[in-house]
C-alpha atoms as a PDB file:
ATOM      1  CA  MET A   1     179.079-172.114 -13.090  1.00  0.00           C
ATOM      2  CA  GLY A   2     181.818-174.458 -11.946  1.00  0.00           C
ATOM      3  CA  ASP A   3     184.647-175.229 -14.341  1.00  0.00           C
ATOM      4  CA  ASP A   4     184.850-178.822 -13.103  1.00  0.00           C
ATOM      5  CA  LEU A   5     181.515-179.808 -14.694  1.00  0.00           C
ATOM      6  CA  PRO A   6     181.123-180.958 -18.309  1.00  0.00           C
ATOM      7  CA  PRO A   7     179.800-178.343 -20.725  1.00  0.00           C
ATOM      8  CA  ASP A   8     177.228-180.481 -22.550  1.00  0.00           C
ATOM      9  CA  LEU A   9     173.687-181.271 -21.430  1.00  0.00           C
ATOM     10  CA  ALA A  10     173.917-185.039 -21.942  1.00  0.00           C
ATOM     11  CA  ARG A  11     176.778-185.509 -19.478  1.00  0.00           C
ATOM     12  CA  LEU A  12     175.234-183.053 -17.038  1.00  0.00           C
ATOM     13  CA  ARG A  13     172.023-185.132 -17.056  1.00  0.00           C
ATOM     14  CA  VAL A  14     174.055-188.284 -16.355  1.00  0.00           C
ATOM     15  CA  LEU A  15     175.701-186.569 -13.380  1.00  0.00           C
ATOM     16  CA  GLU A  16     172.299-185.357 -12.162  1.00  0.00           C
ATOM     17  CA  THR A  17     170.878-188.892 -12.321  1.00  0.00           C
ATOM     18  CA  TRP A  18     173.889-190.321 -10.509  1.00  0.00           C
ATOM     19  CA  ALA A  19     173.703-187.651  -7.786  1.00  0.00           C
ATOM     20  CA  ALA A  20     169.977-188.258  -7.224  1.00  0.00           C
ATOM     21  CA  HIS A  21     170.560-192.017  -6.996  1.00  0.00           C
ATOM     22  CA  TYR A  22     173.422-191.579  -4.554  1.00  0.00           C
ATOM     23  CA  LEU A  23     171.396-189.151  -2.420  1.00  0.00           C
ATOM     24  CA  THR A  24     168.652-191.786  -2.152  1.00  0.00           C
ATOM     25  CA  ARG A  25     171.236-194.323  -0.953  1.00  0.00           C
ATOM     26  CA  ILE A  26     172.640-191.854   1.580  1.00  0.00           C
ATOM     27  CA  ARG A  27     169.180-191.107   2.981  1.00  0.00           C
ATOM     28  CA  ALA A  28     168.425-194.819   3.279  1.00  0.00           C
ATOM     29  CA  ARG A  29     171.688-195.339   5.192  1.00  0.00           C
ATOM     30  CA  ILE A  30     170.898-192.391   7.488  1.00  0.00           C
ATOM     31  CA  ALA A  31     167.478-193.884   8.256  1.00  0.00           C
ATOM     32  CA  ALA A  32     169.046-197.290   8.985  1.00  0.00           C
ATOM     33  CA  VAL A  33     171.639-195.785  11.328  1.00  0.00           C
ATOM     34  CA  GLU A  34     168.951-193.748  13.100  1.00  0.00           C
ATOM     35  CA  ARG A  35     166.894-196.912  13.624  1.00  0.00           C
ATOM     36  CA  GLU A  36     169.941-198.772  14.979  1.00  0.00           C
ATOM     37  CA  GLN A  37     170.791-195.937  17.363  1.00  0.00           C
ATOM     38  CA  ALA A  38     167.196-195.696  18.567  1.00  0.00           C
ATOM     39  CA  GLN A  39     167.217-199.421  19.390  1.00  0.00           C
ATOM     40  CA  GLN A  40     170.565-199.260  21.206  1.00  0.00           C
ATOM     41  CA  ARG A  41     169.691-196.509  23.679  1.00  0.00           C
ATOM     42  CA  PRO A  42     166.559-194.659  24.715  1.00  0.00           C
ATOM     43  CA  PRO A  43     166.490-190.934  23.874  1.00  0.00           C
ATOM     44  CA  ALA A  44     167.507-188.497  26.580  1.00  0.00           C
ATOM     45  CA  PRO A  45     164.486-186.944  28.334  1.00  0.00           C
ATOM     46  CA  SER A  46     165.570-183.407  27.432  1.00  0.00           C
ATOM     47  CA  ALA A  47     166.141-184.298  23.750  1.00  0.00           C
ATOM     48  CA  ALA A  48     162.819-186.080  23.253  1.00  0.00           C
ATOM     49  CA  PRO A  49     160.068-184.072  21.579  1.00  0.00           C
ATOM     50  CA  PRO A  50     157.038-183.361  23.734  1.00  0.00           C
ATOM     51  CA  VAL A  51     154.559-186.225  23.557  1.00  0.00           C
ATOM     52  CA  ARG A  52     150.860-185.970  24.270  1.00  0.00           C
ATOM     53  CA  PRO A  53     149.615-188.114  27.133  1.00  0.00           C
ATOM     54  CA  ALA A  54     147.897-191.395  26.417  1.00  0.00           C
ATOM     55  CA  ALA A  55     144.172-191.218  25.742  1.00  0.00           C
ATOM     56  CA  GLY A  56     143.379-193.766  28.419  1.00  0.00           C
ATOM     57  CA  PRO A  57     144.827-196.480  30.632  1.00  0.00           C
ATOM     58  CA  GLY A  58     146.934-198.997  28.749  1.00  0.00           C
ATOM     59  CA  ARG A  59     146.991-196.934  25.534  1.00  0.00           C
ATOM     60  CA  ALA A  60     150.167-195.972  23.747  1.00  0.00           C
ATOM     61  CA  ARG A  61     151.187-192.316  23.669  1.00  0.00           C
ATOM     62  CA  THR A  62     150.378-190.432  20.484  1.00  0.00           C
ATOM     63  CA  PRO A  63     153.377-188.749  18.827  1.00  0.00           C
ATOM     64  CA  ASP A  64     153.040-185.170  17.595  1.00  0.00           C
ATOM     65  CA  TRP A  65     154.400-186.026  14.114  1.00  0.00           C
ATOM     66  CA  GLY A  66     154.893-189.235  12.187  1.00  0.00           C
ATOM     67  CA  LEU A  67     156.501-190.605   9.070  1.00  0.00           C
ATOM     68  CA  ALA A  68     154.794-193.288   6.988  1.00  0.00           C
ATOM     69  CA  GLU A  69     157.549-194.693   4.794  1.00  0.00           C
ATOM     70  CA  ALA A  70     156.848-195.787   1.244  1.00  0.00           C
ATOM     71  CA  GLY A  71     155.948-199.438   0.933  1.00  0.00           C
ATOM     72  CA  ILE A  72     152.984-201.689   0.336  1.00  0.00           C
ATOM     73  CA  GLY A  73     149.896-199.488   0.247  1.00  0.00           C
ATOM     74  CA  VAL A  74     151.926-196.274   0.620  1.00  0.00           C
ATOM     75  CA  PRO A  75     153.316-195.134  -2.767  1.00  0.00           C
ATOM     76  CA  THR A  76     155.500-192.320  -1.314  1.00  0.00           C
ATOM     77  CA  THR A  77     156.829-191.278   2.063  1.00  0.00           C
ATOM     78  CA  GLU A  78     154.174-189.234   3.878  1.00  0.00           C
ATOM     79  CA  ILE A  79     154.278-186.960   6.904  1.00  0.00           C
ATOM     80  CA  HIS A  80     151.273-187.068   9.272  1.00  0.00           C
ATOM     81  CA  ARG A  81     150.158-185.475  12.490  1.00  0.00           C
ATOM     82  CA  GLY A  82     150.346-188.057  15.242  1.00  0.00           C
ATOM     83  CA  ASP A  83     146.575-188.128  15.716  1.00  0.00           C
ATOM     84  CA  CYS A  84     145.714-188.425  11.999  1.00  0.00           C
ATOM     85  CA  TRP A  85     143.172-191.145  11.256  1.00  0.00           C
ATOM     86  CA  ALA A  86     144.750-191.764   7.825  1.00  0.00           C
ATOM     87  CA  ARG A  87     148.223-192.494   9.177  1.00  0.00           C
ATOM     88  CA  GLY A  88     148.092-196.272   8.917  1.00  0.00           C
ATOM     89  CA  LYS A  89     149.626-198.746  11.363  1.00  0.00           C
ATOM     90  CA  THR A  90     153.308-198.219  10.596  1.00  0.00           C
ATOM     91  CA  LEU A  91     153.738-194.575  11.582  1.00  0.00           C
ATOM     92  CA  VAL A  92     157.252-193.809  12.845  1.00  0.00           C
ATOM     93  CA  ALA A  93     157.309-191.037  15.443  1.00  0.00           C
ATOM     94  CA  VAL A  94     159.586-188.143  14.405  1.00  0.00           C
ATOM     95  CA  SER A  95     160.441-184.722  15.779  1.00  0.00           C
ATOM     96  CA  ALA A  96     159.048-181.558  14.251  1.00  0.00           C
ATOM     97  CA  GLU A  97     162.515-180.761  12.889  1.00  0.00           C
ATOM     98  CA  ARG A  98     162.779-184.122  11.123  1.00  0.00           C
ATOM     99  CA  ALA A  99     159.229-183.753   9.761  1.00  0.00           C
ATOM    100  CA  ARG A 100     160.146-180.317   8.356  1.00  0.00           C
ATOM    101  CA  ALA A 101     163.321-181.735   6.807  1.00  0.00           C
ATOM    102  CA  GLU A 102     161.442-184.645   5.233  1.00  0.00           C
ATOM    103  CA  LEU A 103     158.858-182.256   3.754  1.00  0.00           C
ATOM    104  CA  ALA A 104     161.645-180.051   2.386  1.00  0.00           C
ATOM    105  CA  ASP A 105     163.296-183.133   0.860  1.00  0.00           C
ATOM    106  CA  GLY A 106     160.160-184.148  -1.032  1.00  0.00           C
ATOM    107  CA  ALA A 107     158.084-186.239   1.372  1.00  0.00           C
ATOM    108  CA  GLN A 108     154.371-185.742   0.740  1.00  0.00           C
ATOM    109  CA  PRO A 109     152.203-184.153   3.415  1.00  0.00           C
ATOM    110  CA  CYS A 110     149.074-186.114   4.291  1.00  0.00           C
ATOM    111  CA  ALA A 111     146.094-184.764   2.371  1.00  0.00           C
ATOM    112  CA  VAL A 112     143.852-185.364   5.418  1.00  0.00           C
ATOM    113  CA  CYS A 113     145.721-183.778   8.350  1.00  0.00           C
ATOM    114  CA  ARG A 114     147.855-181.335   6.277  1.00  0.00           C
ATOM    115  CA  PRO A 115     150.964-181.156   8.522  1.00  0.00           C
ATOM    116  CA  ASP A 116     152.633-178.834   6.008  1.00  0.00           C
ATOM    117  CA  ARG A 117     150.271-176.053   7.085  1.00  0.00           C
ATOM    118  CA  VAL A 118     151.541-176.258  10.649  1.00  0.00           C
ATOM    119  CA  LEU A 119     155.188-177.145  10.049  1.00  0.00           C
ATOM    120  CA  ASN A 120     155.536-174.664   7.158  1.00  0.00           C
ATOM    121  CA  PRO A 121     158.938-175.786   5.755  1.00  0.00           C
ATOM    122  CA  GLN A 122     160.958-172.893   4.400  1.00  0.00           C
END
C-alpha cells in the first residue's frame, strides 16, 4: 500500500469517486480530440483497419467494428460488429484495438452480435 494515501475508508472512497469522475472526463476529451483529428486529415492507407467492400453500387462500406455511444435510446456505450443489425444509425467505425480497449474499459458488448467472443479482451 502507498504511504501517500489516507488510512481511513471514507477518504479513500472520496478519492475513488474523484478518480472515476476525472477518468470519465479524460476519456471524453480523448474522444473529442480523436474526432477533431479524424476530421482534419484522412487516415493513412497503411494505418486504416481493413474494411469490407461495399455490398453493392452506391452503398457505404461496412466497418469491421463499431462503437455506439451512450445517448438517446442507448443507455451505455456498446461495441458492435460492423454488420450487426442491432447497431443503430450512429455507429462510429473503430479499429479492433480500440474495440478491445473499450470493452476492457467497461463498454458493453452487443447482445446480438457478441463482439466480445471474437475480440476476447484480456
